[in-house]
């Protein structure tokens, strides 16, 4: 029976792809990707010759039904993103939901995603955490950060290098400069870096340098003991 297979792809080092992912991509009738040029490099490297079809946030509302029809007609379709696991801050959710609603089998392979290695390498508690992904760029941004100020679980954010310092400044202002955090960038690539410290330390550090690549910010959760102390003072 034909199905949709969600396939994680490397976020940096091409050796991070799995044997199973390679087999699925080579057997797929159609490979959906965000950018055919970006994914074309991956396909060429691993000698994969399946048909690439552009499927991204600007056209996914128009294409999900036609993709589902192809699967119902017997085509095996693989879904990838430019890097990492589709639907995690990347397109994919709409297609997955559509296929499930139509009774089409959906399978997701395990594989690369940026926030897991960043969370583990942060040194902060990772037994309980929340993934926030990208915050709103403008409207609702401060409101969302404020809502997280008393969150006791470790918090994971994605951010662009252009807004990293702004995020750290906002977190420092709302969470307090002594809250522990880490910033990971270029995960699995040549210039991979994880910087750990307080929010104030990190703000000062990244304010003095130019960074590139995808950014994962991991922030310590609110200490419940601190809450008790604050309540007692009040």
Protein backbone atom coordinates (compact mmCIF):
# COMPACT_ATOMS: atom_id res chain seq x y z
CA UNK A 1 0.00 0.00 0.00
CA UNK A 2 1.34 3.44 -0.93
CA UNK A 3 2.00 5.88 1.90
CA UNK A 4 3.59 9.17 2.91
CA UNK A 5 6.99 8.82 4.55
CA UNK A 6 8.42 11.78 6.45
CA UNK A 7 12.21 11.67 6.11
CA UNK A 8 14.61 13.74 8.28
CA UNK A 9 17.68 15.00 6.43
CA UNK A 10 21.03 16.20 7.84
CA UNK A 11 21.14 19.64 9.46
CA UNK A 12 24.83 19.93 8.61
CA UNK A 13 27.10 16.92 8.31
CA UNK A 14 25.81 14.71 5.50
CA UNK A 15 27.00 11.62 7.39
CA UNK A 16 24.09 12.12 9.80
CA UNK A 17 21.58 10.65 7.35
CA UNK A 18 20.47 7.08 8.09
CA UNK A 19 20.68 4.04 5.83
CA UNK A 20 16.92 3.69 6.10
CA UNK A 21 16.34 7.29 5.00
CA UNK A 22 18.53 6.72 1.94
CA UNK A 23 16.62 3.56 1.02
CA UNK A 24 13.25 5.30 1.35
CA UNK A 25 14.37 8.24 -0.79
CA UNK A 26 15.73 5.93 -3.49
CA UNK A 27 12.48 3.94 -3.57
CA UNK A 28 10.13 6.95 -3.52
CA UNK A 29 8.12 7.78 -6.63
CA UNK A 30 8.02 11.44 -5.63
CA UNK A 31 10.14 13.45 -3.18
CA UNK A 32 8.57 16.62 -1.78
CA UNK A 33 11.05 19.29 -0.70
CA UNK A 34 11.14 22.97 0.22
CA UNK A 35 13.73 24.00 -2.37
CA UNK A 36 14.64 21.70 -5.26
CA UNK A 37 18.04 23.38 -5.56
CA UNK A 38 18.96 22.75 -1.92
CA UNK A 39 17.63 19.19 -1.91
CA UNK A 40 19.21 18.58 -5.31
CA UNK A 41 22.65 18.86 -3.71
CA UNK A 42 21.69 16.13 -1.22
CA UNK A 43 20.23 13.92 -3.95
CA UNK A 44 23.33 14.26 -6.11
CA UNK A 45 25.65 13.48 -3.20
CA UNK A 46 23.84 10.21 -2.46
CA UNK A 47 23.07 9.34 -6.10
CA UNK A 48 19.29 9.58 -5.68
CA UNK A 49 17.33 10.16 -8.87
CA UNK A 50 13.68 10.40 -7.76
CA UNK A 51 11.45 13.22 -8.97
CA UNK A 52 11.71 16.34 -6.79
CA UNK A 53 8.60 18.43 -6.33
CA UNK A 54 8.59 21.80 -4.56
CA UNK A 55 6.40 21.77 -1.45
CA UNK A 56 6.85 24.76 0.88
CA UNK A 57 4.91 27.12 3.16
CA UNK A 58 3.85 29.33 0.24
CA UNK A 59 2.20 26.58 -1.82
CA UNK A 60 1.37 23.76 0.59
CA UNK A 61 -2.27 24.85 1.00
CA UNK A 62 -2.73 24.41 -2.76
CA UNK A 63 -0.82 21.16 -3.19
CA UNK A 64 -1.79 18.92 -0.26
CA UNK A 65 -4.88 17.49 -1.96
CA UNK A 66 -3.05 16.68 -5.21
CA UNK A 67 -0.26 14.98 -3.27
CA UNK A 68 -2.80 12.92 -1.35
CA UNK A 69 -4.43 11.92 -4.64
CA UNK A 70 -1.07 10.72 -5.97
CA UNK A 71 -0.58 8.52 -2.90
CA UNK A 72 -4.12 7.15 -3.22
CA UNK A 73 -3.27 6.34 -6.84
CA UNK A 74 -0.39 4.15 -5.66
CA UNK A 75 2.63 6.45 -5.56
CA UNK A 76 5.02 6.28 -2.62
CA UNK A 77 5.79 9.85 -1.56
CA UNK A 78 8.64 11.01 0.66
CA UNK A 79 8.55 14.38 2.41
CA UNK A 80 11.77 16.18 3.31
CA UNK A 81 12.71 19.73 4.31
CA UNK A 82 15.86 21.72 3.59
CA UNK A 83 17.33 20.30 6.80
CA UNK A 84 16.09 18.37 9.82
CA UNK A 85 12.69 16.81 10.41
CA UNK A 86 9.73 18.13 8.39
CA UNK A 87 6.91 19.78 10.38
CA UNK A 88 9.30 20.87 13.16
CA UNK A 89 9.39 24.62 12.37
CA UNK A 90 9.22 23.56 8.71
CA UNK A 91 6.37 22.71 6.29
CA UNK A 92 4.76 19.31 6.65
CA UNK A 93 1.96 19.49 9.18
CA UNK A 94 -0.80 20.31 6.69
CA UNK A 95 0.11 17.43 4.39
CA UNK A 96 0.45 14.98 7.26
CA UNK A 97 -2.94 16.00 8.67
CA UNK A 98 -4.58 15.80 5.24
CA UNK A 99 -3.25 12.29 4.66
CA UNK A 100 -4.41 11.11 8.07
CA UNK A 101 -7.89 12.57 7.47
CA UNK A 102 -8.06 10.70 4.15
CA UNK A 103 -7.01 7.41 5.75
CA UNK A 104 -3.58 7.42 4.09
CA UNK A 105 -0.77 5.78 6.06
CA UNK A 106 1.83 8.22 7.37
CA UNK A 107 5.22 7.06 8.62
CA UNK A 108 7.90 9.30 10.16
CA UNK A 109 11.49 8.08 10.29
CA UNK A 110 13.71 9.00 13.26
CA UNK A 111 16.57 11.30 12.47
CA UNK A 112 18.20 14.70 12.61
CA UNK A 113 16.63 17.69 14.32
CA UNK A 114 18.49 20.68 15.74
CA UNK A 115 16.90 21.11 19.16
CA UNK A 116 17.75 17.66 20.58
CA UNK A 117 21.57 17.92 20.42
CA UNK A 118 21.36 21.57 21.55
CA UNK A 119 19.20 20.63 24.54
CA UNK A 120 21.43 17.74 25.58
CA UNK A 121 24.65 19.77 25.13
CA UNK A 122 23.25 22.72 27.12
CA UNK A 123 23.85 21.00 30.45
CA UNK A 124 20.40 22.10 31.57
CA UNK A 125 17.74 19.61 32.73
CA UNK A 126 16.34 17.75 29.72
CA UNK A 127 14.03 15.28 31.45
CA UNK A 128 11.19 17.80 31.10
CA UNK A 129 11.22 20.60 28.55
CA UNK A 130 9.03 22.61 26.19
CA UNK A 131 9.79 23.45 22.58
CA UNK A 132 8.72 26.96 21.56
CA UNK A 133 10.39 27.07 18.14
CA UNK A 134 10.39 30.54 16.57
CA UNK A 135 8.71 33.30 18.54
CA UNK A 136 6.55 35.87 16.71
CA UNK A 137 8.85 38.42 15.11
CA UNK A 138 6.85 41.43 16.23
CA UNK A 139 3.25 41.29 17.45
CA UNK A 140 2.83 39.12 20.54
CA UNK A 141 6.56 38.47 21.04
CA UNK A 142 6.96 40.12 24.46
CA UNK A 143 3.61 38.76 25.58
CA UNK A 144 4.71 35.21 24.77
CA UNK A 145 8.06 35.61 26.54
CA UNK A 146 6.30 37.05 29.61
CA UNK A 147 3.94 34.05 29.65
CA UNK A 148 6.99 31.78 29.84
CA UNK A 149 8.69 33.62 32.70
CA UNK A 150 7.34 31.23 35.36
CA UNK A 151 7.65 28.07 33.23
CA UNK A 152 9.57 25.55 35.36
CA UNK A 153 10.61 23.26 32.50
CA UNK A 154 13.64 23.93 30.32
CA UNK A 155 12.61 26.09 27.34
CA UNK A 156 13.90 25.65 23.78
CA UNK A 157 13.74 28.40 21.15
CA UNK A 158 14.79 28.61 17.51
CA UNK A 159 16.09 31.97 16.34
CA UNK A 160 17.75 33.56 13.33
CA UNK A 161 21.24 35.02 13.74
CA UNK A 162 19.83 38.46 12.94
CA UNK A 163 17.48 38.42 15.96
CA UNK A 164 19.65 36.47 18.42
CA UNK A 165 20.86 39.47 20.44
CA UNK A 166 17.35 40.92 20.51
CA UNK A 167 16.00 37.64 21.90
CA UNK A 168 18.72 37.44 24.56
CA UNK A 169 18.05 41.04 25.57
CA UNK A 170 14.32 40.38 25.87
CA UNK A 171 14.86 37.19 27.86
CA UNK A 172 17.28 39.01 30.17
CA UNK A 173 14.78 41.80 30.76
CA UNK A 174 11.84 39.49 31.46
CA UNK A 175 13.44 36.34 32.94
CA UNK A 176 16.32 38.07 34.74
CA UNK A 177 19.98 38.17 33.79
CA UNK A 178 21.03 35.38 36.16
CA UNK A 179 18.92 32.70 34.46
CA UNK A 180 21.21 30.04 32.97
CA UNK A 181 21.06 29.36 29.25
CA UNK A 182 23.01 28.14 26.23
CA UNK A 183 23.22 29.16 22.58
CA UNK A 184 24.07 26.53 19.95
CA UNK A 185 24.73 27.32 16.32
CA UNK A 186 25.98 25.53 13.21
CA UNK A 187 25.18 22.17 14.84
CA UNK A 188 27.14 19.28 13.25
CA UNK A 189 28.96 21.71 10.93
CA UNK A 190 32.61 22.79 10.83
CA UNK A 191 32.12 25.91 12.97
CA UNK A 192 29.72 24.39 15.51
CA UNK A 193 29.60 26.34 18.76
CA UNK A 194 27.74 25.99 22.04
CA UNK A 195 28.13 28.89 24.45
CA UNK A 196 26.84 28.46 27.99
CA UNK A 197 26.34 30.98 30.79
CA UNK A 198 23.76 33.33 32.25
CA UNK A 199 21.45 35.26 29.97
CA UNK A 200 23.41 38.39 30.81
CA UNK A 201 26.73 36.67 29.96
CA UNK A 202 25.36 35.44 26.63
CA UNK A 203 23.90 38.82 25.74
CA UNK A 204 27.26 40.49 26.29
CA UNK A 205 29.14 37.76 24.39
CA UNK A 206 26.98 37.74 21.27
CA UNK A 207 26.62 41.52 21.21
CA UNK A 208 30.33 41.67 20.39
CA UNK A 209 30.42 39.18 17.51
CA UNK A 210 28.69 38.37 14.23
CA UNK A 211 27.10 34.94 14.05
CA UNK A 212 25.77 32.90 11.15
CA UNK A 213 23.67 29.79 10.77
CA UNK A 214 20.63 28.42 12.54
CA UNK A 215 20.44 29.16 16.26
CA UNK A 216 19.02 27.12 19.14
CA UNK A 217 18.61 28.90 22.48
CA UNK A 218 18.01 26.74 25.56
CA UNK A 219 16.92 28.47 28.77
CA UNK A 220 16.71 27.16 32.31
CA UNK A 221 13.21 26.91 33.70
CA UNK A 222 11.97 29.06 36.57
CA UNK A 223 13.12 27.76 39.95
CA UNK A 224 10.06 26.98 42.08
CA UNK A 225 12.12 27.65 45.22
CA UNK A 226 12.63 31.19 43.97
CA UNK A 227 8.87 31.53 43.58
CA UNK A 228 8.32 30.54 47.22
CA UNK A 229 10.92 33.07 48.36
CA UNK A 230 9.28 35.82 46.28
CA UNK A 231 5.84 34.99 47.65
CA UNK A 232 7.19 35.03 51.22
CA UNK A 233 8.76 38.46 50.68
CA UNK A 234 5.45 39.80 49.38
